[in-house]
Amino acid sequence: MKSKLLAFGLAGTVIAALCCVTPLLPIVLTALGLTGLIGAVYTDTVLLPVLAGFLLLTAVALWRLRRRGV
């Protein structure tokens, strides 16, 4: 990857999308011993804005790369 911002945005987007679609987040939180956070974090009011933020970050990174001509 030419841009660290693009790599960070894509990785965050994939992870957030997996947490929205699959039960990945409760499994990970249970494995880490943080089961009490499931009720606060595993809601659409938290996960969807995080996903939107990473999608926006990816779009900005792609726009900056295209503007540079890379």
N, C-alpha and C. Protein backbone atom coordinates (compact mmCIF):
# COMPACT_ATOMS: atom_id res chain seq x y z
N MET A 1 0.83 -1.17 0.00
CA MET A 1 0.00 0.00 0.00
C MET A 1 0.88 1.24 0.00
N LYS A 2 0.48 2.20 -0.76
CA LYS A 2 1.24 3.44 -0.86
C LYS A 2 0.93 4.38 0.30
N SER A 3 -0.19 4.23 0.91
CA SER A 3 -0.60 5.18 1.93
C SER A 3 -0.95 4.45 3.23
N LYS A 4 -0.37 4.91 4.32
CA LYS A 4 -0.71 4.32 5.62
C LYS A 4 -2.14 4.67 5.99
N LEU A 5 -2.59 5.85 5.57
CA LEU A 5 -3.96 6.28 5.86
C LEU A 5 -4.97 5.36 5.16
N LEU A 6 -4.66 4.99 3.93
CA LEU A 6 -5.54 4.08 3.19
C LEU A 6 -5.55 2.69 3.84
N ALA A 7 -4.39 2.21 4.24
CA ALA A 7 -4.32 0.90 4.89
C ALA A 7 -5.10 0.89 6.20
N PHE A 8 -4.96 1.96 6.98
CA PHE A 8 -5.67 2.06 8.25
C PHE A 8 -7.18 2.14 8.01
N GLY A 9 -7.59 2.92 7.02
CA GLY A 9 -9.00 3.05 6.71
C GLY A 9 -9.62 1.75 6.23
N LEU A 10 -8.92 1.04 5.36
CA LEU A 10 -9.44 -0.23 4.86
C LEU A 10 -9.51 -1.29 5.96
N ALA A 11 -8.48 -1.36 6.79
CA ALA A 11 -8.48 -2.34 7.88
C ALA A 11 -9.61 -2.04 8.86
N GLY A 12 -9.78 -0.79 9.21
CA GLY A 12 -10.86 -0.41 10.12
C GLY A 12 -12.23 -0.69 9.53
N THR A 13 -12.38 -0.43 8.24
CA THR A 13 -13.65 -0.68 7.58
C THR A 13 -13.99 -2.17 7.59
N VAL A 14 -13.01 -3.01 7.29
CA VAL A 14 -13.24 -4.45 7.27
C VAL A 14 -13.59 -4.97 8.67
N ILE A 15 -12.85 -4.52 9.67
CA ILE A 15 -13.10 -4.98 11.03
C ILE A 15 -14.47 -4.49 11.52
N ALA A 16 -14.80 -3.24 11.26
CA ALA A 16 -16.11 -2.72 11.69
C ALA A 16 -17.24 -3.42 10.96
N ALA A 17 -17.06 -3.70 9.68
CA ALA A 17 -18.10 -4.41 8.93
C ALA A 17 -18.29 -5.83 9.46
N LEU A 18 -17.19 -6.51 9.79
CA LEU A 18 -17.30 -7.85 10.36
C LEU A 18 -18.01 -7.83 11.70
N CYS A 19 -17.75 -6.82 12.49
CA CYS A 19 -18.41 -6.72 13.80
C CYS A 19 -19.89 -6.40 13.65
N CYS A 20 -20.26 -5.69 12.59
CA CYS A 20 -21.67 -5.37 12.36
C CYS A 20 -22.45 -6.57 11.86
N VAL A 21 -21.83 -7.38 11.01
CA VAL A 21 -22.54 -8.46 10.34
C VAL A 21 -22.46 -9.77 11.10
N THR A 22 -21.33 -10.08 11.65
CA THR A 22 -21.13 -11.37 12.32
C THR A 22 -21.04 -11.17 13.84
N PRO A 23 -21.17 -12.21 14.60
CA PRO A 23 -21.01 -12.08 16.05
C PRO A 23 -19.54 -12.11 16.48
N LEU A 24 -18.69 -11.45 15.73
CA LEU A 24 -17.26 -11.44 16.01
C LEU A 24 -16.93 -10.67 17.28
N LEU A 25 -17.56 -9.55 17.49
CA LEU A 25 -17.25 -8.70 18.64
C LEU A 25 -17.56 -9.39 19.97
N PRO A 26 -18.71 -10.03 20.16
CA PRO A 26 -18.93 -10.72 21.43
C PRO A 26 -17.94 -11.85 21.68
N ILE A 27 -17.53 -12.54 20.64
CA ILE A 27 -16.56 -13.62 20.79
C ILE A 27 -15.22 -13.07 21.24
N VAL A 28 -14.78 -11.99 20.61
CA VAL A 28 -13.50 -11.38 20.96
C VAL A 28 -13.54 -10.80 22.37
N LEU A 29 -14.62 -10.10 22.71
CA LEU A 29 -14.72 -9.52 24.04
C LEU A 29 -14.78 -10.60 25.12
N THR A 30 -15.44 -11.70 24.84
CA THR A 30 -15.49 -12.81 25.79
C THR A 30 -14.12 -13.43 25.96
N ALA A 31 -13.39 -13.59 24.87
CA ALA A 31 -12.04 -14.16 24.94
C ALA A 31 -11.10 -13.26 25.74
N LEU A 32 -11.32 -11.96 25.67
CA LEU A 32 -10.47 -11.02 26.40
C LEU A 32 -10.93 -10.80 27.84
N GLY A 33 -12.04 -11.40 28.22
CA GLY A 33 -12.57 -11.23 29.57
C GLY A 33 -13.31 -9.93 29.78
N LEU A 34 -13.77 -9.32 28.71
CA LEU A 34 -14.47 -8.05 28.78
C LEU A 34 -15.95 -8.20 28.43
N THR A 35 -16.56 -9.24 28.94
CA THR A 35 -17.95 -9.55 28.62
C THR A 35 -18.90 -8.44 29.04
N GLY A 36 -18.56 -7.71 30.07
CA GLY A 36 -19.42 -6.63 30.55
C GLY A 36 -19.59 -5.50 29.56
N LEU A 37 -18.67 -5.37 28.60
CA LEU A 37 -18.76 -4.30 27.60
C LEU A 37 -19.67 -4.63 26.43
N ILE A 38 -20.12 -5.86 26.33
CA ILE A 38 -20.92 -6.26 25.18
C ILE A 38 -22.19 -5.43 25.07
N GLY A 39 -22.87 -5.19 26.17
CA GLY A 39 -24.11 -4.43 26.14
C GLY A 39 -23.91 -2.99 25.71
N ALA A 40 -22.77 -2.42 26.03
CA ALA A 40 -22.51 -1.02 25.70
C ALA A 40 -21.96 -0.83 24.29
N VAL A 41 -21.18 -1.78 23.83
CA VAL A 41 -20.48 -1.61 22.55
C VAL A 41 -21.22 -2.29 21.39
N TYR A 42 -21.84 -3.41 21.64
CA TYR A 42 -22.44 -4.19 20.57
C TYR A 42 -23.86 -3.70 20.25
N THR A 43 -23.97 -2.43 19.90
CA THR A 43 -25.24 -1.87 19.48
C THR A 43 -25.02 -1.11 18.17
N ASP A 44 -26.09 -0.90 17.46
CA ASP A 44 -25.98 -0.19 16.19
C ASP A 44 -25.64 1.28 16.39
N THR A 45 -25.95 1.82 17.55
CA THR A 45 -25.64 3.24 17.80
C THR A 45 -24.15 3.47 17.96
N VAL A 46 -23.37 2.42 18.19
CA VAL A 46 -21.91 2.53 18.29
C VAL A 46 -21.24 2.03 17.03
N LEU A 47 -21.64 0.86 16.56
CA LEU A 47 -20.94 0.22 15.45
C LEU A 47 -21.15 0.92 14.11
N LEU A 48 -22.35 1.38 13.84
CA LEU A 48 -22.60 2.02 12.54
C LEU A 48 -21.86 3.35 12.38
N PRO A 49 -21.80 4.22 13.39
CA PRO A 49 -20.98 5.43 13.24
C PRO A 49 -19.48 5.12 13.09
N VAL A 50 -19.01 4.09 13.77
CA VAL A 50 -17.61 3.69 13.62
C VAL A 50 -17.36 3.23 12.19
N LEU A 51 -18.26 2.43 11.65
CA LEU A 51 -18.14 1.99 10.27
C LEU A 51 -18.18 3.17 9.30
N ALA A 52 -19.09 4.10 9.53
CA ALA A 52 -19.18 5.29 8.67
C ALA A 52 -17.90 6.11 8.75
N GLY A 53 -17.33 6.24 9.93
CA GLY A 53 -16.09 6.99 10.08
C GLY A 53 -14.93 6.35 9.32
N PHE A 54 -14.81 5.04 9.40
CA PHE A 54 -13.74 4.36 8.67
C PHE A 54 -13.98 4.42 7.15
N LEU A 55 -15.23 4.36 6.73
CA LEU A 55 -15.52 4.52 5.30
C LEU A 55 -15.14 5.92 4.82
N LEU A 56 -15.42 6.92 5.63
CA LEU A 56 -15.05 8.29 5.30
C LEU A 56 -13.52 8.44 5.25
N LEU A 57 -12.83 7.84 6.20
CA LEU A 57 -11.38 7.87 6.22
C LEU A 57 -10.79 7.22 4.97
N THR A 58 -11.35 6.11 4.56
CA THR A 58 -10.90 5.44 3.35
C THR A 58 -11.15 6.30 2.12
N ALA A 59 -12.30 6.95 2.07
CA ALA A 59 -12.62 7.82 0.93
C ALA A 59 -11.66 9.01 0.86
N VAL A 60 -11.33 9.59 2.01
CA VAL A 60 -10.39 10.71 2.03
C VAL A 60 -9.01 10.25 1.57
N ALA A 61 -8.58 9.08 2.02
CA ALA A 61 -7.27 8.55 1.61
C ALA A 61 -7.23 8.30 0.11
N LEU A 62 -8.31 7.73 -0.44
CA LEU A 62 -8.35 7.50 -1.89
C LEU A 62 -8.36 8.81 -2.66
N TRP A 63 -9.08 9.80 -2.15
CA TRP A 63 -9.13 11.11 -2.80
C TRP A 63 -7.76 11.76 -2.80
N ARG A 64 -7.05 11.66 -1.67
CA ARG A 64 -5.71 12.26 -1.59
C ARG A 64 -4.73 11.55 -2.53
N LEU A 65 -4.83 10.21 -2.64
CA LEU A 65 -3.95 9.50 -3.55
C LEU A 65 -4.24 9.85 -5.00
N ARG A 66 -5.49 9.97 -5.33
CA ARG A 66 -5.87 10.30 -6.70
C ARG A 66 -5.44 11.72 -7.05
N ARG A 67 -5.53 12.61 -6.09
CA ARG A 67 -5.14 14.01 -6.31
C ARG A 67 -3.63 14.13 -6.51
N ARG A 68 -2.87 13.27 -5.83
CA ARG A 68 -1.41 13.26 -6.00
C ARG A 68 -1.00 12.62 -7.32
N GLY A 69 -1.88 11.81 -7.88
CA GLY A 69 -1.57 11.18 -9.16
C GLY A 69 -0.86 9.85 -9.04
N VAL A 70 -0.98 9.22 -7.89
CA VAL A 70 -0.30 7.93 -7.66
C VAL A 70 -1.19 6.81 -8.08
